[in-house]
């Protein structure tokens, strides 16, 4: 059963879908740009059967607030505020794409708050050629289009300290790479794994949307890593 809640933070209201074992180790799931918490539904039954799962709509997405101010550090601080509001001292954390950037920024800044970390098809942050942002679609979407402009600007020109501080991540980390079918340069994903001290890589040749395209394989890789009884 999934429960829905809204957590009011000073700057934004965050929507959360809770599922899994009540009282189990907390697990937080962070979606990609333009997605929402329900994006994880396809893998939830097998992903963390031992955990109490909190799947968030990040600011500007889904049922969360759309305050007009967006950025990856703001999203990181939102997640920290969410943990504090719920009294979650230490959590396991899974992030896909943009959500993975938010996840590693949190793991860098507050390493004691993260038990285990999973980054799905997230490259090491290097500058890349900027391209124009498409116009907002005519029809309704589940997110504020202003998020696209703000996040793309940061991904195109990331803060140098993001790369420098990969070594500050102390959580055991699993990097899930999408393989050659992904638009993300896979050598940058390999570099990410090299820079994080306790990190392993698994490649699932599904492209960028690994957990959606190959849910069974994603679960087979990630669930044992998150198992509280498993090896660290």
C-alpha atoms as a PDB file:
ATOM      1  CA  UNK A   1       0.000   0.000   0.000  1.00  0.00           C
ATOM      2  CA  UNK A   2       1.196   3.490  -0.861  1.00  0.00           C
ATOM      3  CA  UNK A   3       0.474   6.499   1.341  1.00  0.00           C
ATOM      4  CA  UNK A   4       0.707  10.080   0.147  1.00  0.00           C
ATOM      5  CA  UNK A   5       1.833  13.005   2.270  1.00  0.00           C
ATOM      6  CA  UNK A   6       2.830  16.625   1.847  1.00  0.00           C
ATOM      7  CA  UNK A   7       5.735  17.913   3.916  1.00  0.00           C
ATOM      8  CA  UNK A   8       5.716  21.682   4.365  1.00  0.00           C
ATOM      9  CA  UNK A   9       9.199  23.199   4.292  1.00  0.00           C
ATOM     10  CA  UNK A  10       9.932  26.905   4.705  1.00  0.00           C
ATOM     11  CA  UNK A  11      10.454  27.451   0.980  1.00  0.00           C
ATOM     12  CA  UNK A  12       8.413  24.701  -0.674  1.00  0.00           C
ATOM     13  CA  UNK A  13       5.911  21.907  -0.044  1.00  0.00           C
ATOM     14  CA  UNK A  14       7.257  18.479  -0.999  1.00  0.00           C
ATOM     15  CA  UNK A  15       4.973  15.614  -1.996  1.00  0.00           C
ATOM     16  CA  UNK A  16       6.009  12.115  -0.972  1.00  0.00           C
ATOM     17  CA  UNK A  17       4.745   8.605  -1.704  1.00  0.00           C
ATOM     18  CA  UNK A  18       5.491   6.186   1.140  1.00  0.00           C
ATOM     19  CA  UNK A  19       5.493   2.415   0.824  1.00  0.00           C
ATOM     20  CA  UNK A  20       7.292  -0.672   2.039  1.00  0.00           C
ATOM     21  CA  UNK A  21       7.800  -1.982   5.558  1.00  0.00           C
ATOM     22  CA  UNK A  22       6.772   0.405   8.343  1.00  0.00           C
ATOM     23  CA  UNK A  23       9.659   0.845  10.725  1.00  0.00           C
ATOM     24  CA  UNK A  24      12.142  -0.503   8.195  1.00  0.00           C
ATOM     25  CA  UNK A  25      15.356   1.291   7.266  1.00  0.00           C
ATOM     26  CA  UNK A  26      14.435   4.468   5.379  1.00  0.00           C
ATOM     27  CA  UNK A  27      15.088   4.659   1.647  1.00  0.00           C
ATOM     28  CA  UNK A  28      14.658   7.876  -0.369  1.00  0.00           C
ATOM     29  CA  UNK A  29      14.128   7.810  -4.163  1.00  0.00           C
ATOM     30  CA  UNK A  30      14.858  10.872  -6.332  1.00  0.00           C
ATOM     31  CA  UNK A  31      13.531  11.010  -9.896  1.00  0.00           C
ATOM     32  CA  UNK A  32      14.966  12.483 -13.100  1.00  0.00           C
ATOM     33  CA  UNK A  33      14.171  15.850 -14.684  1.00  0.00           C
ATOM     34  CA  UNK A  34      10.552  16.025 -15.778  1.00  0.00           C
ATOM     35  CA  UNK A  35       9.551  12.876 -13.887  1.00  0.00           C
ATOM     36  CA  UNK A  36       7.807  12.372 -10.552  1.00  0.00           C
ATOM     37  CA  UNK A  37       7.748   9.907  -7.670  1.00  0.00           C
ATOM     38  CA  UNK A  38       5.434   7.490  -9.498  1.00  0.00           C
ATOM     39  CA  UNK A  39       8.235   6.889 -12.014  1.00  0.00           C
ATOM     40  CA  UNK A  40       9.649   4.374  -9.496  1.00  0.00           C
ATOM     41  CA  UNK A  41       6.459   2.302  -9.243  1.00  0.00           C
ATOM     42  CA  UNK A  42       7.653  -0.279 -11.754  1.00  0.00           C
ATOM     43  CA  UNK A  43      10.550  -1.312  -9.490  1.00  0.00           C
ATOM     44  CA  UNK A  44       9.135  -0.592  -6.030  1.00  0.00           C
ATOM     45  CA  UNK A  45       7.808  -4.087  -5.205  1.00  0.00           C
ATOM     46  CA  UNK A  46      11.226  -5.664  -5.608  1.00  0.00           C
ATOM     47  CA  UNK A  47      13.570  -2.745  -5.079  1.00  0.00           C
ATOM     48  CA  UNK A  48      13.555  -2.510  -1.315  1.00  0.00           C
ATOM     49  CA  UNK A  49      11.244  -5.030   0.360  1.00  0.00           C
ATOM     50  CA  UNK A  50      12.972  -4.486   3.711  1.00  0.00           C
ATOM     51  CA  UNK A  51      12.819  -0.664   3.639  1.00  0.00           C
ATOM     52  CA  UNK A  52      10.345   2.075   4.392  1.00  0.00           C
ATOM     53  CA  UNK A  53      10.450   3.900   1.065  1.00  0.00           C
ATOM     54  CA  UNK A  54       9.986   7.639   0.571  1.00  0.00           C
ATOM     55  CA  UNK A  55       9.679   8.572  -3.119  1.00  0.00           C
ATOM     56  CA  UNK A  56       9.757  12.339  -3.492  1.00  0.00           C
ATOM     57  CA  UNK A  57       8.444  14.778  -6.062  1.00  0.00           C
ATOM     58  CA  UNK A  58      11.322  17.261  -6.221  1.00  0.00           C
ATOM     59  CA  UNK A  59      10.497  20.968  -6.240  1.00  0.00           C
ATOM     60  CA  UNK A  60       8.711  22.022  -9.387  1.00  0.00           C
ATOM     61  CA  UNK A  61       7.630  18.451 -10.153  1.00  0.00           C
ATOM     62  CA  UNK A  62       4.477  16.409  -9.649  1.00  0.00           C
ATOM     63  CA  UNK A  63       2.460  17.426  -6.623  1.00  0.00           C
ATOM     64  CA  UNK A  64       5.270  19.402  -4.990  1.00  0.00           C
ATOM     65  CA  UNK A  65       5.277  23.186  -4.922  1.00  0.00           C
ATOM     66  CA  UNK A  66       6.356  25.300  -7.883  1.00  0.00           C
ATOM     67  CA  UNK A  67       7.991  28.282  -6.181  1.00  0.00           C
ATOM     68  CA  UNK A  68       9.695  29.595  -9.331  1.00  0.00           C
ATOM     69  CA  UNK A  69      13.192  29.277  -7.819  1.00  0.00           C
ATOM     70  CA  UNK A  70      15.004  26.174  -9.033  1.00  0.00           C
ATOM     71  CA  UNK A  71      18.460  24.693  -8.836  1.00  0.00           C
ATOM     72  CA  UNK A  72      20.214  21.488  -7.908  1.00  0.00           C
ATOM     73  CA  UNK A  73      21.544  22.850  -4.620  1.00  0.00           C
ATOM     74  CA  UNK A  74      18.038  24.024  -3.722  1.00  0.00           C
ATOM     75  CA  UNK A  75      16.771  20.501  -4.385  1.00  0.00           C
ATOM     76  CA  UNK A  76      19.576  19.092  -2.238  1.00  0.00           C
ATOM     77  CA  UNK A  77      18.586  21.387   0.606  1.00  0.00           C
ATOM     78  CA  UNK A  78      14.935  20.421   0.136  1.00  0.00           C
ATOM     79  CA  UNK A  79      15.809  16.753   0.586  1.00  0.00           C
ATOM     80  CA  UNK A  80      17.795  17.566   3.724  1.00  0.00           C
ATOM     81  CA  UNK A  81      14.853  19.563   5.053  1.00  0.00           C
ATOM     82  CA  UNK A  82      12.555  16.640   4.304  1.00  0.00           C
ATOM     83  CA  UNK A  83      14.820  14.265   6.261  1.00  0.00           C
ATOM     84  CA  UNK A  84      14.915  16.668   9.190  1.00  0.00           C
ATOM     85  CA  UNK A  85      11.141  17.191   9.133  1.00  0.00           C
ATOM     86  CA  UNK A  86      10.543  13.435   9.344  1.00  0.00           C
ATOM     87  CA  UNK A  87      13.337  12.838  11.849  1.00  0.00           C
ATOM     88  CA  UNK A  88      15.275  10.619   9.439  1.00  0.00           C
ATOM     89  CA  UNK A  89      18.859  10.779  10.644  1.00  0.00           C
ATOM     90  CA  UNK A  90      20.408   8.378   8.134  1.00  0.00           C
ATOM     91  CA  UNK A  91      18.895   7.027   4.915  1.00  0.00           C
ATOM     92  CA  UNK A  92      19.762   4.986   1.872  1.00  0.00           C
ATOM     93  CA  UNK A  93      19.440   7.095  -1.251  1.00  0.00           C
ATOM     94  CA  UNK A  94      18.732   6.266  -4.914  1.00  0.00           C
ATOM     95  CA  UNK A  95      18.851   8.937  -7.619  1.00  0.00           C
ATOM     96  CA  UNK A  96      18.282   8.763 -11.365  1.00  0.00           C
ATOM     97  CA  UNK A  97      19.870  11.328 -13.696  1.00  0.00           C
ATOM     98  CA  UNK A  98      19.040  14.771 -12.221  1.00  0.00           C
ATOM     99  CA  UNK A  99      17.953  13.037  -9.030  1.00  0.00           C
ATOM    100  CA  UNK A 100      21.363  11.382  -8.970  1.00  0.00           C
ATOM    101  CA  UNK A 101      23.055  14.780  -9.048  1.00  0.00           C
ATOM    102  CA  UNK A 102      20.896  15.890  -6.127  1.00  0.00           C
ATOM    103  CA  UNK A 103      21.809  12.640  -4.363  1.00  0.00           C
ATOM    104  CA  UNK A 104      25.571  12.996  -4.753  1.00  0.00           C
ATOM    105  CA  UNK A 105      25.458  16.660  -3.729  1.00  0.00           C
ATOM    106  CA  UNK A 106      23.709  15.597  -0.530  1.00  0.00           C
ATOM    107  CA  UNK A 107      26.187  12.757   0.031  1.00  0.00           C
ATOM    108  CA  UNK A 108      29.093  15.176  -0.423  1.00  0.00           C
ATOM    109  CA  UNK A 109      27.760  17.848   1.900  1.00  0.00           C
ATOM    110  CA  UNK A 110      26.273  15.601   4.594  1.00  0.00           C
ATOM    111  CA  UNK A 111      28.075  12.240   4.373  1.00  0.00           C
ATOM    112  CA  UNK A 112      26.868  11.118   7.787  1.00  0.00           C
ATOM    113  CA  UNK A 113      23.250  11.211   6.624  1.00  0.00           C
ATOM    114  CA  UNK A 114      23.677   8.645   3.827  1.00  0.00           C
ATOM    115  CA  UNK A 115      23.996   4.909   4.446  1.00  0.00           C
ATOM    116  CA  UNK A 116      24.152   3.517   0.917  1.00  0.00           C
ATOM    117  CA  UNK A 117      24.001   5.437  -2.331  1.00  0.00           C
ATOM    118  CA  UNK A 118      22.783   4.337  -5.791  1.00  0.00           C
ATOM    119  CA  UNK A 119      23.380   6.571  -8.825  1.00  0.00           C
ATOM    120  CA  UNK A 120      21.536   5.551 -11.995  1.00  0.00           C
ATOM    121  CA  UNK A 121      23.250   6.685 -15.228  1.00  0.00           C
ATOM    122  CA  UNK A 122      24.804   9.764 -13.631  1.00  0.00           C
ATOM    123  CA  UNK A 123      28.048  11.077 -15.187  1.00  0.00           C
ATOM    124  CA  UNK A 124      30.928  12.889 -13.559  1.00  0.00           C
ATOM    125  CA  UNK A 125      30.133  16.618 -13.875  1.00  0.00           C
ATOM    126  CA  UNK A 126      32.133  18.301 -16.621  1.00  0.00           C
ATOM    127  CA  UNK A 127      31.218  21.345 -18.730  1.00  0.00           C
ATOM    128  CA  UNK A 128      29.505  20.555 -22.014  1.00  0.00           C
ATOM    129  CA  UNK A 129      28.445  22.663 -25.005  1.00  0.00           C
ATOM    130  CA  UNK A 130      25.273  24.567 -24.246  1.00  0.00           C
ATOM    131  CA  UNK A 131      22.285  24.031 -26.505  1.00  0.00           C
ATOM    132  CA  UNK A 132      19.017  25.997 -26.636  1.00  0.00           C
ATOM    133  CA  UNK A 133      16.173  24.923 -24.386  1.00  0.00           C
ATOM    134  CA  UNK A 134      13.061  23.961 -26.309  1.00  0.00           C
ATOM    135  CA  UNK A 135       9.949  26.035 -25.868  1.00  0.00           C
ATOM    136  CA  UNK A 136       7.464  24.843 -23.288  1.00  0.00           C
ATOM    137  CA  UNK A 137       4.970  22.350 -24.721  1.00  0.00           C
ATOM    138  CA  UNK A 138       1.471  23.543 -25.490  1.00  0.00           C
ATOM    139  CA  UNK A 139      -0.227  20.913 -23.356  1.00  0.00           C
ATOM    140  CA  UNK A 140      -0.001  20.420 -19.591  1.00  0.00           C
ATOM    141  CA  UNK A 141       3.040  18.701 -18.108  1.00  0.00           C
ATOM    142  CA  UNK A 142       3.722  17.376 -14.616  1.00  0.00           C
ATOM    143  CA  UNK A 143       6.465  19.909 -13.906  1.00  0.00           C
ATOM    144  CA  UNK A 144       7.326  23.575 -14.173  1.00  0.00           C
ATOM    145  CA  UNK A 145       9.146  24.169 -17.460  1.00  0.00           C
ATOM    146  CA  UNK A 146      11.340  26.730 -15.691  1.00  0.00           C
ATOM    147  CA  UNK A 147      13.025  23.790 -13.959  1.00  0.00           C
ATOM    148  CA  UNK A 148      14.389  22.649 -17.327  1.00  0.00           C
ATOM    149  CA  UNK A 149      16.113  25.972 -17.983  1.00  0.00           C
ATOM    150  CA  UNK A 150      17.593  26.195 -14.489  1.00  0.00           C
ATOM    151  CA  UNK A 151      18.832  22.609 -14.291  1.00  0.00           C
ATOM    152  CA  UNK A 152      20.192  22.503 -17.838  1.00  0.00           C
ATOM    153  CA  UNK A 153      22.212  25.642 -17.160  1.00  0.00           C
ATOM    154  CA  UNK A 154      23.848  23.959 -14.166  1.00  0.00           C
ATOM    155  CA  UNK A 155      24.438  20.662 -15.960  1.00  0.00           C
ATOM    156  CA  UNK A 156      26.029  22.498 -18.909  1.00  0.00           C
ATOM    157  CA  UNK A 157      28.312  24.473 -16.582  1.00  0.00           C
ATOM    158  CA  UNK A 158      28.611  22.538 -13.316  1.00  0.00           C
ATOM    159  CA  UNK A 159      30.354  23.966 -10.307  1.00  0.00           C
ATOM    160  CA  UNK A 160      33.977  22.676 -10.293  1.00  0.00           C
ATOM    161  CA  UNK A 161      33.633  21.771  -6.617  1.00  0.00           C
ATOM    162  CA  UNK A 162      31.057  19.096  -7.492  1.00  0.00           C
ATOM    163  CA  UNK A 163      33.755  17.038  -9.196  1.00  0.00           C
ATOM    164  CA  UNK A 164      36.415  17.888  -6.637  1.00  0.00           C
ATOM    165  CA  UNK A 165      34.270  16.679  -3.747  1.00  0.00           C
ATOM    166  CA  UNK A 166      33.435  13.202  -5.043  1.00  0.00           C
ATOM    167  CA  UNK A 167      36.107  11.925  -2.662  1.00  0.00           C
ATOM    168  CA  UNK A 168      34.067  13.321   0.245  1.00  0.00           C
ATOM    169  CA  UNK A 169      31.344  10.713  -0.330  1.00  0.00           C
ATOM    170  CA  UNK A 170      31.758   8.077   2.363  1.00  0.00           C
ATOM    171  CA  UNK A 171      28.684   5.948   1.623  1.00  0.00           C
ATOM    172  CA  UNK A 172      29.158   2.625  -0.150  1.00  0.00           C
ATOM    173  CA  UNK A 173      28.000   3.490  -3.655  1.00  0.00           C
ATOM    174  CA  UNK A 174      26.583   1.558  -6.600  1.00  0.00           C
ATOM    175  CA  UNK A 175      26.680   3.224  -9.998  1.00  0.00           C
ATOM    176  CA  UNK A 176      24.246   1.764 -12.529  1.00  0.00           C
ATOM    177  CA  UNK A 177      25.317   2.578 -16.085  1.00  0.00           C
ATOM    178  CA  UNK A 178      22.952   2.439 -19.050  1.00  0.00           C
ATOM    179  CA  UNK A 179      25.575   1.304 -21.558  1.00  0.00           C
ATOM    180  CA  UNK A 180      26.106   2.419 -25.173  1.00  0.00           C
ATOM    181  CA  UNK A 181      22.401   3.023 -25.787  1.00  0.00           C
ATOM    182  CA  UNK A 182      22.412   5.866 -23.251  1.00  0.00           C
ATOM    183  CA  UNK A 183      23.003   9.457 -24.368  1.00  0.00           C
ATOM    184  CA  UNK A 184      25.191   9.889 -21.271  1.00  0.00           C
ATOM    185  CA  UNK A 185      28.922   9.424 -22.018  1.00  0.00           C
ATOM    186  CA  UNK A 186      29.757   6.142 -20.344  1.00  0.00           C
ATOM    187  CA  UNK A 187      33.382   7.121 -19.777  1.00  0.00           C
ATOM    188  CA  UNK A 188      32.081   9.914 -17.513  1.00  0.00           C
ATOM    189  CA  UNK A 189      30.137   7.341 -15.519  1.00  0.00           C
ATOM    190  CA  UNK A 190      33.294   5.257 -15.168  1.00  0.00           C
ATOM    191  CA  UNK A 191      35.118   8.375 -13.991  1.00  0.00           C
ATOM    192  CA  UNK A 192      32.420   8.975 -11.391  1.00  0.00           C
ATOM    193  CA  UNK A 193      32.982   5.490 -10.012  1.00  0.00           C
ATOM    194  CA  UNK A 194      36.733   6.021  -9.890  1.00  0.00           C
ATOM    195  CA  UNK A 195      36.398   9.244  -7.905  1.00  0.00           C
ATOM    196  CA  UNK A 196      34.035   7.907  -5.222  1.00  0.00           C
ATOM    197  CA  UNK A 197      36.147   5.976  -2.695  1.00  0.00           C
ATOM    198  CA  UNK A 198      33.861   2.977  -2.043  1.00  0.00           C
ATOM    199  CA  UNK A 199      32.125   2.440  -5.353  1.00  0.00           C
ATOM    200  CA  UNK A 200      31.260  -0.332  -7.756  1.00  0.00           C
ATOM    201  CA  UNK A 201      29.703  -0.207 -11.246  1.00  0.00           C
ATOM    202  CA  UNK A 202      27.152  -2.412 -12.960  1.00  0.00           C
ATOM    203  CA  UNK A 203      26.186  -1.872 -16.608  1.00  0.00           C
ATOM    204  CA  UNK A 204      22.706  -2.733 -17.828  1.00  0.00           C
ATOM    205  CA  UNK A 205      22.516  -2.002 -21.548  1.00  0.00           C
ATOM    206  CA  UNK A 206      19.103  -0.398 -21.444  1.00  0.00           C
ATOM    207  CA  UNK A 207      19.912   3.212 -22.247  1.00  0.00           C
ATOM    208  CA  UNK A 208      19.356   6.120 -19.895  1.00  0.00           C
ATOM    209  CA  UNK A 209      16.034   4.917 -18.432  1.00  0.00           C
ATOM    210  CA  UNK A 210      17.481   1.780 -16.920  1.00  0.00           C
ATOM    211  CA  UNK A 211      14.923   1.079 -14.214  1.00  0.00           C
ATOM    212  CA  UNK A 212      12.017   1.632 -16.587  1.00  0.00           C
ATOM    213  CA  UNK A 213      13.378  -0.270 -19.592  1.00  0.00           C
ATOM    214  CA  UNK A 214      14.847  -3.219 -17.665  1.00  0.00           C
ATOM    215  CA  UNK A 215      13.116  -3.227 -14.271  1.00  0.00           C
ATOM    216  CA  UNK A 216      13.930  -6.843 -13.405  1.00  0.00           C
ATOM    217  CA  UNK A 217      17.639  -6.366 -14.114  1.00  0.00           C
ATOM    218  CA  UNK A 218      17.696  -3.087 -12.217  1.00  0.00           C
ATOM    219  CA  UNK A 219      16.123  -4.716  -9.178  1.00  0.00           C
ATOM    220  CA  UNK A 220      18.505  -7.677  -9.415  1.00  0.00           C
ATOM    221  CA  UNK A 221      21.460  -5.285  -9.234  1.00  0.00           C
ATOM    222  CA  UNK A 222      20.170  -2.767  -6.697  1.00  0.00           C
ATOM    223  CA  UNK A 223      18.081  -4.751  -4.199  1.00  0.00           C
ATOM    224  CA  UNK A 224      20.978  -6.913  -2.912  1.00  0.00           C
ATOM    225  CA  UNK A 225      23.106  -3.804  -2.545  1.00  0.00           C
ATOM    226  CA  UNK A 226      20.412  -2.154  -0.417  1.00  0.00           C
ATOM    227  CA  UNK A 227      19.647  -5.270   1.638  1.00  0.00           C
ATOM    228  CA  UNK A 228      20.364  -4.381   5.302  1.00  0.00           C
ATOM    229  CA  UNK A 229      21.547  -7.952   5.857  1.00  0.00           C
ATOM    230  CA  UNK A 230      23.832  -7.886   2.847  1.00  0.00           C
ATOM    231  CA  UNK A 231      27.517  -6.995   2.673  1.00  0.00           C
ATOM    232  CA  UNK A 232      28.466  -3.353   2.931  1.00  0.00           C
END
